[in-house]
Amino acid sequence: MRNKKITYSNSEDILIDSRILANGIIEVTGGAKIILKNENSILHNLKIINKCESNGLNNGIIELLNTTDAIISNVEMELSTKYSGIFCKTRAKNTRINNLKINGNLRYGILFNDSCTEQGATFRIVDGVDYSDATIGSGLYINNYIYKNTVSADDNTYDGDGIELNCPDYGFSDVRINNADIDNARH
C-alpha cells in the first residue's frame, strides 16, 4: 500500500503474517484490527485512525499474536474509543517499537497482558491455541514514544496507562524504554 487511505470494517481484520504493511493511511471501523503474527511482521510509515465504538479492554487496534521480531515504526494512531493502541495477550519476543505516536480517547497505549490471575486462563486462548502456560514475552524495546490521552481527568471510565506490562503470572523480561512522553495517563 502506498499513500492510500483504506477503510476496514468489523469482519475485515488485517493480518500481517511475516509481511510488511507500509506507507499509507488506514481507517478502522466496526471493531476491525491489525494483527501482527509470527516472525518479522512489520508496520512502517502509517497513520491509523480508529473509529470503532465498542469497549476495547481486551482488544487492540494493533495486536501481536505469537510474534518474534515484530517491528512497529513511524506509526501515528488517532483513537476515538476505549481500544488499546498496541495489545498482546499471547506471546511476543523481541518487539521493536520506534517513533510511535498515539492520540485520542484512550484505554491503554501499549498493553502486554498475561492476566490469567485476574481474568481466567481462557483469556489467553486465541484461535484455539492456549498461551496461558508461559511468559507473554521478552525483549521489548520502545524508542521515541508519545502517548496523549485527550479524555478529561474527571472521566473515570477511561482507565488506561501509557505503557502497561501486566504480567502477574509468568512475567516479562528485557524491557528498554527510551524517550517516552506520556500525557494524561490514568495510573
N, C-alpha and C. Protein backbone atom coordinates (compact mmCIF):
# COMPACT_ATOMS: atom_id res chain seq x y z
N MET A 1 0.86 -1.16 0.00
CA MET A 1 0.00 0.00 0.00
C MET A 1 0.91 1.23 0.00
N ARG A 2 0.64 2.17 -0.86
CA ARG A 2 1.46 3.37 -0.89
C ARG A 2 0.55 4.59 -0.97
N ASN A 3 0.59 5.40 0.11
CA ASN A 3 -0.13 6.67 0.18
C ASN A 3 -1.59 6.55 -0.20
N LYS A 4 -2.24 5.49 0.27
CA LYS A 4 -3.66 5.32 0.04
C LYS A 4 -4.38 5.29 1.37
N LYS A 5 -5.66 5.67 1.34
CA LYS A 5 -6.50 5.56 2.52
C LYS A 5 -7.41 4.37 2.31
N ILE A 6 -7.37 3.42 3.24
CA ILE A 6 -8.18 2.22 3.14
C ILE A 6 -9.02 2.12 4.41
N THR A 7 -10.31 1.79 4.27
CA THR A 7 -11.20 1.62 5.41
C THR A 7 -11.52 0.14 5.58
N TYR A 8 -11.40 -0.37 6.81
CA TYR A 8 -11.69 -1.76 7.12
C TYR A 8 -12.84 -1.82 8.10
N SER A 9 -13.75 -2.79 7.91
CA SER A 9 -14.90 -2.93 8.80
C SER A 9 -14.70 -4.12 9.74
N ASN A 10 -15.73 -4.42 10.52
CA ASN A 10 -15.65 -5.41 11.59
C ASN A 10 -15.12 -6.76 11.15
N SER A 11 -15.56 -7.27 10.04
CA SER A 11 -15.18 -8.62 9.62
C SER A 11 -13.88 -8.65 8.82
N GLU A 12 -13.23 -7.53 8.69
CA GLU A 12 -12.06 -7.46 7.83
C GLU A 12 -10.78 -7.12 8.61
N ASP A 13 -10.42 -7.98 9.57
CA ASP A 13 -9.15 -7.77 10.25
C ASP A 13 -8.03 -7.81 9.23
N ILE A 14 -6.99 -7.06 9.48
CA ILE A 14 -5.84 -7.01 8.59
C ILE A 14 -4.78 -7.91 9.20
N LEU A 15 -4.47 -9.02 8.56
CA LEU A 15 -3.49 -9.97 9.06
C LEU A 15 -2.16 -9.75 8.38
N ILE A 16 -1.14 -9.42 9.17
CA ILE A 16 0.21 -9.24 8.67
C ILE A 16 1.03 -10.41 9.22
N ASP A 17 1.11 -11.48 8.45
CA ASP A 17 1.76 -12.72 8.87
C ASP A 17 3.11 -12.82 8.18
N SER A 18 4.16 -12.42 8.92
CA SER A 18 5.53 -12.42 8.38
C SER A 18 5.64 -11.56 7.13
N ARG A 19 4.93 -10.41 7.13
CA ARG A 19 4.96 -9.49 5.99
C ARG A 19 5.10 -8.06 6.48
N ILE A 20 5.06 -7.12 5.53
CA ILE A 20 5.18 -5.69 5.83
C ILE A 20 3.94 -4.96 5.33
N LEU A 21 3.41 -4.06 6.16
CA LEU A 21 2.37 -3.12 5.75
C LEU A 21 2.97 -1.74 5.95
N ALA A 22 3.06 -0.96 4.86
CA ALA A 22 3.78 0.32 4.95
C ALA A 22 3.16 1.38 4.05
N ASN A 23 3.43 2.66 4.43
CA ASN A 23 3.20 3.83 3.60
C ASN A 23 1.74 4.07 3.24
N GLY A 24 0.95 4.48 4.22
CA GLY A 24 -0.43 4.83 3.89
C GLY A 24 -1.24 5.22 5.11
N ILE A 25 -2.54 5.34 4.91
CA ILE A 25 -3.49 5.68 5.96
C ILE A 25 -4.51 4.55 6.03
N ILE A 26 -4.78 4.06 7.25
CA ILE A 26 -5.76 3.01 7.45
C ILE A 26 -6.81 3.54 8.41
N GLU A 27 -8.07 3.49 7.99
CA GLU A 27 -9.18 3.87 8.85
C GLU A 27 -9.89 2.60 9.28
N VAL A 28 -9.97 2.37 10.59
CA VAL A 28 -10.53 1.14 11.13
C VAL A 28 -11.89 1.45 11.74
N THR A 29 -12.92 0.69 11.32
CA THR A 29 -14.27 0.88 11.84
C THR A 29 -14.85 -0.47 12.25
N GLY A 30 -15.87 -0.43 13.09
CA GLY A 30 -16.65 -1.62 13.40
C GLY A 30 -15.94 -2.71 14.18
N GLY A 31 -14.79 -2.45 14.75
CA GLY A 31 -14.11 -3.46 15.56
C GLY A 31 -12.98 -4.18 14.86
N ALA A 32 -12.65 -3.80 13.65
CA ALA A 32 -11.52 -4.43 12.95
C ALA A 32 -10.22 -4.09 13.65
N LYS A 33 -9.19 -4.90 13.40
CA LYS A 33 -7.88 -4.65 14.00
C LYS A 33 -6.80 -5.11 13.04
N ILE A 34 -5.59 -4.67 13.31
CA ILE A 34 -4.41 -5.09 12.55
C ILE A 34 -3.70 -6.12 13.40
N ILE A 35 -3.51 -7.32 12.88
CA ILE A 35 -2.89 -8.40 13.63
C ILE A 35 -1.52 -8.69 13.05
N LEU A 36 -0.48 -8.52 13.88
CA LEU A 36 0.87 -8.92 13.51
C LEU A 36 1.06 -10.33 14.04
N LYS A 37 1.48 -11.26 13.16
CA LYS A 37 1.56 -12.66 13.55
C LYS A 37 2.87 -13.27 13.09
N ASN A 38 3.41 -14.15 13.93
CA ASN A 38 4.60 -14.94 13.64
C ASN A 38 5.85 -14.10 13.51
N GLU A 39 6.77 -14.44 12.62
CA GLU A 39 8.09 -13.81 12.57
C GLU A 39 8.16 -12.64 11.59
N ASN A 40 8.89 -11.61 12.01
CA ASN A 40 9.25 -10.48 11.13
C ASN A 40 8.05 -9.76 10.52
N SER A 41 6.99 -9.59 11.27
CA SER A 41 5.85 -8.80 10.81
C SER A 41 6.14 -7.34 11.11
N ILE A 42 5.88 -6.47 10.13
CA ILE A 42 6.31 -5.07 10.24
C ILE A 42 5.20 -4.12 9.82
N LEU A 43 5.01 -3.06 10.63
CA LEU A 43 4.19 -1.91 10.26
C LEU A 43 5.14 -0.73 10.17
N HIS A 44 5.10 0.00 9.06
CA HIS A 44 6.05 1.10 8.88
C HIS A 44 5.40 2.25 8.14
N ASN A 45 5.62 3.46 8.65
CA ASN A 45 5.20 4.69 7.99
C ASN A 45 3.69 4.70 7.70
N LEU A 46 2.90 4.56 8.78
CA LEU A 46 1.45 4.51 8.65
C LEU A 46 0.77 5.51 9.57
N LYS A 47 -0.41 5.97 9.15
CA LYS A 47 -1.33 6.67 10.03
C LYS A 47 -2.54 5.77 10.17
N ILE A 48 -2.91 5.47 11.41
CA ILE A 48 -4.03 4.58 11.69
C ILE A 48 -5.08 5.38 12.44
N ILE A 49 -6.30 5.41 11.91
CA ILE A 49 -7.41 6.15 12.50
C ILE A 49 -8.46 5.13 12.93
N ASN A 50 -8.78 5.10 14.23
CA ASN A 50 -9.75 4.15 14.75
C ASN A 50 -11.08 4.86 15.00
N LYS A 51 -12.15 4.35 14.41
CA LYS A 51 -13.48 4.92 14.64
C LYS A 51 -14.44 3.87 15.20
N CYS A 52 -13.89 2.86 15.88
CA CYS A 52 -14.72 1.81 16.47
C CYS A 52 -15.47 2.37 17.68
N GLU A 53 -16.61 1.74 18.01
CA GLU A 53 -17.44 2.27 19.08
C GLU A 53 -17.50 1.38 20.32
N SER A 54 -16.92 0.21 20.29
CA SER A 54 -17.07 -0.70 21.43
C SER A 54 -15.91 -0.60 22.41
N ASN A 55 -16.12 -1.13 23.60
CA ASN A 55 -15.11 -1.14 24.66
C ASN A 55 -14.00 -2.10 24.28
N GLY A 56 -12.77 -1.65 24.37
CA GLY A 56 -11.67 -2.48 23.91
C GLY A 56 -10.70 -2.89 24.99
N LEU A 57 -11.16 -3.20 26.19
CA LEU A 57 -10.25 -3.58 27.26
C LEU A 57 -9.35 -4.74 26.84
N ASN A 58 -9.89 -5.72 26.19
CA ASN A 58 -9.12 -6.90 25.80
C ASN A 58 -8.89 -6.96 24.30
N ASN A 59 -8.82 -5.82 23.68
CA ASN A 59 -8.56 -5.72 22.26
C ASN A 59 -7.62 -4.56 22.00
N GLY A 60 -6.97 -4.62 20.88
CA GLY A 60 -6.13 -3.51 20.47
C GLY A 60 -6.34 -3.20 19.01
N ILE A 61 -6.00 -2.01 18.61
CA ILE A 61 -6.04 -1.69 17.18
C ILE A 61 -4.94 -2.46 16.48
N ILE A 62 -3.77 -2.55 17.12
CA ILE A 62 -2.69 -3.41 16.64
C ILE A 62 -2.54 -4.51 17.68
N GLU A 63 -2.66 -5.77 17.27
CA GLU A 63 -2.47 -6.89 18.20
C GLU A 63 -1.30 -7.73 17.76
N LEU A 64 -0.48 -8.12 18.73
CA LEU A 64 0.64 -9.01 18.50
C LEU A 64 0.19 -10.43 18.82
N LEU A 65 0.28 -11.34 17.86
CA LEU A 65 -0.17 -12.72 18.03
C LEU A 65 1.01 -13.66 17.83
N ASN A 66 1.61 -14.08 18.94
CA ASN A 66 2.72 -15.03 18.92
C ASN A 66 3.84 -14.55 17.98
N THR A 67 4.26 -13.32 18.16
CA THR A 67 5.25 -12.72 17.25
C THR A 67 6.68 -12.90 17.74
N THR A 68 7.58 -12.89 16.79
CA THR A 68 9.02 -12.82 17.05
C THR A 68 9.58 -11.77 16.09
N ASP A 69 10.33 -10.82 16.64
CA ASP A 69 10.96 -9.76 15.85
C ASP A 69 9.96 -8.88 15.10
N ALA A 70 8.82 -8.59 15.72
CA ALA A 70 7.85 -7.65 15.13
C ALA A 70 8.40 -6.23 15.26
N ILE A 71 8.13 -5.41 14.25
CA ILE A 71 8.58 -4.02 14.24
C ILE A 71 7.39 -3.11 13.95
N ILE A 72 7.24 -2.09 14.78
CA ILE A 72 6.25 -1.04 14.56
C ILE A 72 7.04 0.26 14.54
N SER A 73 7.15 0.89 13.37
CA SER A 73 7.99 2.09 13.27
C SER A 73 7.31 3.18 12.45
N ASN A 74 7.51 4.42 12.91
CA ASN A 74 6.94 5.59 12.23
C ASN A 74 5.43 5.43 12.04
N VAL A 75 4.74 5.17 13.14
CA VAL A 75 3.29 4.97 13.11
C VAL A 75 2.63 6.02 14.00
N GLU A 76 1.59 6.64 13.47
CA GLU A 76 0.76 7.58 14.23
C GLU A 76 -0.63 7.01 14.32
N MET A 77 -1.20 7.01 15.54
CA MET A 77 -2.54 6.46 15.75
C MET A 77 -3.45 7.52 16.35
N GLU A 78 -4.64 7.67 15.77
CA GLU A 78 -5.69 8.54 16.30
C GLU A 78 -6.82 7.63 16.73
N LEU A 79 -7.03 7.52 18.05
CA LEU A 79 -8.02 6.59 18.58
C LEU A 79 -9.20 7.37 19.15
N SER A 80 -10.41 6.94 18.83
CA SER A 80 -11.59 7.67 19.27
C SER A 80 -12.41 6.91 20.30
N THR A 81 -11.98 5.73 20.71
CA THR A 81 -12.72 4.96 21.70
C THR A 81 -11.78 4.28 22.67
N LYS A 82 -12.32 3.38 23.48
CA LYS A 82 -11.56 2.77 24.55
C LYS A 82 -10.67 1.61 24.12
N TYR A 83 -10.32 1.52 22.90
CA TYR A 83 -9.40 0.47 22.48
C TYR A 83 -7.98 0.80 22.93
N SER A 84 -7.18 -0.24 23.12
CA SER A 84 -5.76 -0.05 23.34
C SER A 84 -5.10 0.17 22.00
N GLY A 85 -3.97 0.88 22.00
CA GLY A 85 -3.24 1.09 20.76
C GLY A 85 -2.58 -0.19 20.28
N ILE A 86 -1.67 -0.73 21.12
CA ILE A 86 -0.96 -1.97 20.83
C ILE A 86 -1.24 -2.93 21.97
N PHE A 87 -1.64 -4.15 21.65
CA PHE A 87 -2.09 -5.11 22.65
C PHE A 87 -1.53 -6.49 22.38
N CYS A 88 -1.09 -7.19 23.43
CA CYS A 88 -0.66 -8.58 23.30
C CYS A 88 -1.11 -9.37 24.51
N LYS A 89 -1.79 -10.49 24.27
CA LYS A 89 -2.14 -11.42 25.34
C LYS A 89 -1.66 -12.83 25.02
N THR A 90 -0.88 -12.97 23.97
CA THR A 90 -0.34 -14.28 23.61
C THR A 90 1.15 -14.31 23.96
N ARG A 91 2.03 -14.24 22.96
CA ARG A 91 3.47 -14.15 23.19
C ARG A 91 4.06 -13.17 22.20
N ALA A 92 5.08 -12.46 22.63
CA ALA A 92 5.79 -11.53 21.73
C ALA A 92 7.24 -11.46 22.17
N LYS A 93 8.13 -11.87 21.29
CA LYS A 93 9.56 -11.83 21.59
C LYS A 93 10.25 -10.82 20.68
N ASN A 94 11.12 -10.01 21.29
CA ASN A 94 11.93 -9.04 20.54
C ASN A 94 11.09 -8.05 19.73
N THR A 95 10.13 -7.44 20.37
CA THR A 95 9.28 -6.43 19.74
C THR A 95 10.01 -5.09 19.74
N ARG A 96 10.03 -4.43 18.59
CA ARG A 96 10.67 -3.13 18.46
C ARG A 96 9.62 -2.10 18.08
N ILE A 97 9.46 -1.09 18.94
CA ILE A 97 8.52 0.00 18.68
C ILE A 97 9.33 1.28 18.62
N ASN A 98 9.35 1.93 17.47
CA ASN A 98 10.18 3.10 17.27
C ASN A 98 9.37 4.20 16.58
N ASN A 99 9.38 5.40 17.15
CA ASN A 99 8.64 6.53 16.60
C ASN A 99 7.14 6.22 16.49
N LEU A 100 6.53 6.01 17.65
CA LEU A 100 5.10 5.75 17.73
C LEU A 100 4.44 6.90 18.46
N LYS A 101 3.34 7.42 17.86
CA LYS A 101 2.56 8.50 18.46
C LYS A 101 1.11 8.04 18.54
N ILE A 102 0.54 8.08 19.77
CA ILE A 102 -0.85 7.68 19.98
C ILE A 102 -1.59 8.84 20.63
N ASN A 103 -2.68 9.28 20.00
CA ASN A 103 -3.52 10.38 20.50
C ASN A 103 -4.96 9.94 20.56
N GLY A 104 -5.73 10.53 21.47
CA GLY A 104 -7.17 10.36 21.43
C GLY A 104 -7.77 9.90 22.73
N ASN A 105 -9.00 9.38 22.64
CA ASN A 105 -9.73 8.84 23.78
C ASN A 105 -9.23 7.42 23.99
N LEU A 106 -8.33 7.24 24.93
CA LEU A 106 -7.57 6.00 25.00
C LEU A 106 -7.94 5.12 26.18
N ARG A 107 -7.75 3.86 26.01
CA ARG A 107 -7.77 2.93 27.13
C ARG A 107 -6.33 2.73 27.57
N TYR A 108 -5.55 2.06 26.80
CA TYR A 108 -4.12 1.88 27.06
C TYR A 108 -3.36 2.23 25.79
N GLY A 109 -2.16 2.71 25.94
CA GLY A 109 -1.32 2.96 24.78
C GLY A 109 -0.71 1.66 24.30
N ILE A 110 0.15 1.08 25.14
CA ILE A 110 0.79 -0.21 24.87
C ILE A 110 0.47 -1.11 26.05
N LEU A 111 -0.17 -2.27 25.80
CA LEU A 111 -0.58 -3.18 26.86
C LEU A 111 -0.17 -4.60 26.52
N PHE A 112 0.70 -5.18 27.37
CA PHE A 112 1.02 -6.60 27.32
C PHE A 112 0.37 -7.21 28.55
N ASN A 113 -0.51 -8.22 28.38
CA ASN A 113 -1.36 -8.67 29.47
C ASN A 113 -1.45 -10.20 29.49
N ASP A 114 -0.79 -10.84 30.47
CA ASP A 114 -0.91 -12.30 30.62
C ASP A 114 -1.89 -12.65 31.74
N SER A 115 -2.77 -11.77 32.05
CA SER A 115 -3.55 -11.73 33.28
C SER A 115 -4.52 -12.88 33.50
N CYS A 116 -4.01 -14.11 33.55
CA CYS A 116 -4.87 -15.25 33.89
C CYS A 116 -5.36 -15.15 35.32
N THR A 117 -4.52 -14.61 36.21
CA THR A 117 -4.90 -14.46 37.61
C THR A 117 -6.16 -13.61 37.73
N GLU A 118 -6.23 -12.53 36.97
CA GLU A 118 -7.36 -11.61 37.06
C GLU A 118 -8.54 -12.02 36.20
N GLN A 119 -8.28 -12.58 35.02
CA GLN A 119 -9.36 -12.80 34.06
C GLN A 119 -9.61 -14.26 33.72
N GLY A 120 -8.83 -15.18 34.26
CA GLY A 120 -9.00 -16.60 33.99
C GLY A 120 -8.18 -17.06 32.80
N ALA A 121 -7.84 -18.34 32.78
CA ALA A 121 -6.95 -18.89 31.75
C ALA A 121 -7.54 -18.77 30.34
N THR A 122 -8.85 -18.79 30.21
CA THR A 122 -9.44 -18.70 28.87
C THR A 122 -9.15 -17.37 28.19
N PHE A 123 -8.79 -16.36 28.99
CA PHE A 123 -8.43 -15.06 28.44
C PHE A 123 -7.32 -15.18 27.40
N ARG A 124 -6.39 -16.12 27.60
CA ARG A 124 -5.24 -16.26 26.71
C ARG A 124 -5.40 -17.38 25.70
N ILE A 125 -6.59 -17.87 25.49
CA ILE A 125 -6.84 -18.82 24.41
C ILE A 125 -7.26 -18.02 23.18
N VAL A 126 -6.45 -18.10 22.12
CA VAL A 126 -6.69 -17.33 20.91
C VAL A 126 -6.66 -18.28 19.73
N ASP A 127 -7.70 -18.26 18.93
CA ASP A 127 -7.82 -19.15 17.77
C ASP A 127 -7.56 -20.61 18.14
N GLY A 128 -8.05 -21.01 19.31
CA GLY A 128 -7.92 -22.38 19.77
C GLY A 128 -6.57 -22.74 20.37
N VAL A 129 -5.62 -21.80 20.42
CA VAL A 129 -4.30 -22.06 20.99
C VAL A 129 -4.25 -21.45 22.39
N ASP A 130 -3.79 -22.25 23.36
CA ASP A 130 -3.71 -21.81 24.75
C ASP A 130 -2.32 -21.26 25.04
N TYR A 131 -2.25 -19.95 25.31
CA TYR A 131 -0.99 -19.29 25.63
C TYR A 131 -0.84 -19.04 27.13
N SER A 132 -1.71 -19.62 27.95
CA SER A 132 -1.74 -19.30 29.37
C SER A 132 -0.66 -19.98 30.20
N ASP A 133 0.17 -20.81 29.60
CA ASP A 133 1.12 -21.60 30.38
C ASP A 133 2.55 -21.08 30.33
N ALA A 134 2.79 -19.93 29.77
CA ALA A 134 4.17 -19.45 29.65
C ALA A 134 4.21 -17.92 29.59
N THR A 135 5.41 -17.38 29.68
CA THR A 135 5.59 -15.93 29.66
C THR A 135 5.00 -15.30 28.41
N ILE A 136 4.50 -14.09 28.58
CA ILE A 136 3.96 -13.36 27.44
C ILE A 136 5.07 -12.84 26.54
N GLY A 137 6.29 -12.73 27.05
CA GLY A 137 7.34 -12.30 26.15
C GLY A 137 8.61 -11.80 26.80
N SER A 138 9.50 -11.33 25.93
CA SER A 138 10.79 -10.77 26.34
C SER A 138 11.30 -9.89 25.21
N GLY A 139 12.23 -9.02 25.56
CA GLY A 139 12.88 -8.21 24.53
C GLY A 139 12.01 -7.12 23.94
N LEU A 140 11.40 -6.31 24.78
CA LEU A 140 10.58 -5.18 24.29
C LEU A 140 11.44 -3.92 24.30
N TYR A 141 11.54 -3.27 23.15
CA TYR A 141 12.30 -2.02 23.05
C TYR A 141 11.37 -0.94 22.50
N ILE A 142 11.18 0.12 23.29
CA ILE A 142 10.33 1.24 22.91
C ILE A 142 11.22 2.48 22.83
N ASN A 143 11.23 3.14 21.69
CA ASN A 143 12.07 4.32 21.47
C ASN A 143 11.24 5.42 20.80
N ASN A 144 11.29 6.63 21.35
CA ASN A 144 10.56 7.77 20.80
C ASN A 144 9.06 7.48 20.73
N TYR A 145 8.44 7.47 21.89
CA TYR A 145 7.02 7.13 22.04
C TYR A 145 6.28 8.32 22.65
N ILE A 146 5.18 8.72 22.01
CA ILE A 146 4.33 9.80 22.53
C ILE A 146 2.93 9.24 22.73
N TYR A 147 2.40 9.42 23.95
CA TYR A 147 1.05 8.98 24.30
C TYR A 147 0.31 10.19 24.87
N LYS A 148 -0.81 10.54 24.26
CA LYS A 148 -1.59 11.67 24.77
C LYS A 148 -3.05 11.27 24.85
N ASN A 149 -3.52 11.10 26.08
CA ASN A 149 -4.92 10.79 26.34
C ASN A 149 -5.68 12.10 26.39
N THR A 150 -6.68 12.26 25.54
CA THR A 150 -7.41 13.52 25.47
C THR A 150 -8.71 13.52 26.28
N VAL A 151 -9.00 12.44 27.01
CA VAL A 151 -10.20 12.39 27.84
C VAL A 151 -9.97 13.24 29.09
N SER A 152 -10.98 13.97 29.51
CA SER A 152 -10.82 14.83 30.68
C SER A 152 -10.53 14.00 31.93
N ALA A 153 -9.79 14.57 32.85
CA ALA A 153 -9.34 13.86 34.04
C ALA A 153 -10.50 13.40 34.94
N ASP A 154 -11.67 14.04 34.87
CA ASP A 154 -12.79 13.63 35.71
C ASP A 154 -13.62 12.50 35.11
N ASP A 155 -13.28 12.02 33.94
CA ASP A 155 -13.98 10.88 33.33
C ASP A 155 -13.30 9.60 33.79
N ASN A 156 -13.92 8.89 34.76
CA ASN A 156 -13.27 7.71 35.32
C ASN A 156 -13.54 6.43 34.54
N THR A 157 -14.15 6.50 33.39
CA THR A 157 -14.39 5.29 32.59
C THR A 157 -13.20 4.95 31.70
N TYR A 158 -12.26 5.84 31.58
CA TYR A 158 -11.07 5.58 30.78
C TYR A 158 -9.90 5.38 31.74
N ASP A 159 -9.49 4.12 31.91
CA ASP A 159 -8.54 3.83 32.98
C ASP A 159 -7.16 3.43 32.47
N GLY A 160 -6.78 3.88 31.30
CA GLY A 160 -5.58 3.37 30.66
C GLY A 160 -4.28 3.96 31.12
N ASP A 161 -3.24 3.22 30.84
CA ASP A 161 -1.87 3.62 31.08
C ASP A 161 -1.20 3.90 29.75
N GLY A 162 -0.13 4.68 29.78
CA GLY A 162 0.66 4.90 28.58
C GLY A 162 1.34 3.62 28.13
N ILE A 163 1.94 2.92 29.10
CA ILE A 163 2.56 1.61 28.87
C ILE A 163 2.21 0.75 30.07
N GLU A 164 1.67 -0.45 29.84
CA GLU A 164 1.41 -1.38 30.94
C GLU A 164 1.87 -2.77 30.57
N LEU A 165 2.77 -3.32 31.38
CA LEU A 165 3.18 -4.72 31.26
C LEU A 165 2.54 -5.43 32.45
N ASN A 166 1.36 -5.99 32.23
CA ASN A 166 0.58 -6.64 33.27
C ASN A 166 0.85 -8.14 33.16
N CYS A 167 1.88 -8.60 33.84
CA CYS A 167 2.33 -9.98 33.70
C CYS A 167 2.48 -10.64 35.06
N PRO A 168 1.39 -10.77 35.84
CA PRO A 168 1.50 -11.31 37.19
C PRO A 168 1.76 -12.81 37.23
N ASP A 169 1.44 -13.53 36.19
CA ASP A 169 1.54 -14.98 36.22
C ASP A 169 2.90 -15.51 35.77
N TYR A 170 3.40 -15.01 34.65
CA TYR A 170 4.63 -15.57 34.10
C TYR A 170 5.71 -14.54 33.80
N GLY A 171 5.39 -13.26 33.94
CA GLY A 171 6.40 -12.23 33.84
C GLY A 171 6.78 -11.84 32.43
N PHE A 172 7.66 -10.88 32.37
CA PHE A 172 8.15 -10.31 31.11
C PHE A 172 9.58 -9.88 31.39
N SER A 173 10.48 -10.07 30.44
CA SER A 173 11.88 -9.73 30.70
C SER A 173 12.47 -8.88 29.59
N ASP A 174 13.57 -8.21 29.93
CA ASP A 174 14.36 -7.42 28.98
C ASP A 174 13.54 -6.31 28.33
N VAL A 175 13.17 -5.34 29.14
CA VAL A 175 12.39 -4.19 28.66
C VAL A 175 13.28 -2.96 28.67
N ARG A 176 13.32 -2.24 27.54
CA ARG A 176 14.07 -1.00 27.44
C ARG A 176 13.16 0.08 26.87
N ILE A 177 13.13 1.22 27.54
CA ILE A 177 12.31 2.35 27.09
C ILE A 177 13.20 3.58 27.02
N ASN A 178 13.18 4.25 25.88
CA ASN A 178 14.00 5.43 25.68
C ASN A 178 13.12 6.54 25.10
N ASN A 179 13.11 7.70 25.75
CA ASN A 179 12.41 8.88 25.25
C ASN A 179 10.90 8.64 25.11
N ALA A 180 10.22 8.43 26.22
CA ALA A 180 8.76 8.27 26.24
C ALA A 180 8.13 9.52 26.83
N ASP A 181 7.14 10.09 26.13
CA ASP A 181 6.41 11.27 26.57
C ASP A 181 4.96 10.84 26.79
N ILE A 182 4.57 10.64 28.04
CA ILE A 182 3.25 10.12 28.37
C ILE A 182 2.45 11.20 29.06
N ASP A 183 1.30 11.59 28.45
CA ASP A 183 0.49 12.69 28.95
C ASP A 183 -0.92 12.21 29.28
N ASN A 184 -1.37 12.48 30.50
CA ASN A 184 -2.73 12.20 30.96
C ASN A 184 -3.02 10.70 31.06
N ALA A 185 -2.03 9.91 31.44
CA ALA A 185 -2.30 8.51 31.75
C ALA A 185 -3.06 8.43 33.07
N ARG A 186 -3.79 7.34 33.32
CA ARG A 186 -4.68 7.27 34.46
C ARG A 186 -4.09 6.60 35.69
N HIS A 187 -3.04 5.81 35.55
CA HIS A 187 -2.46 5.11 36.71
C HIS A 187 -1.05 5.59 36.93
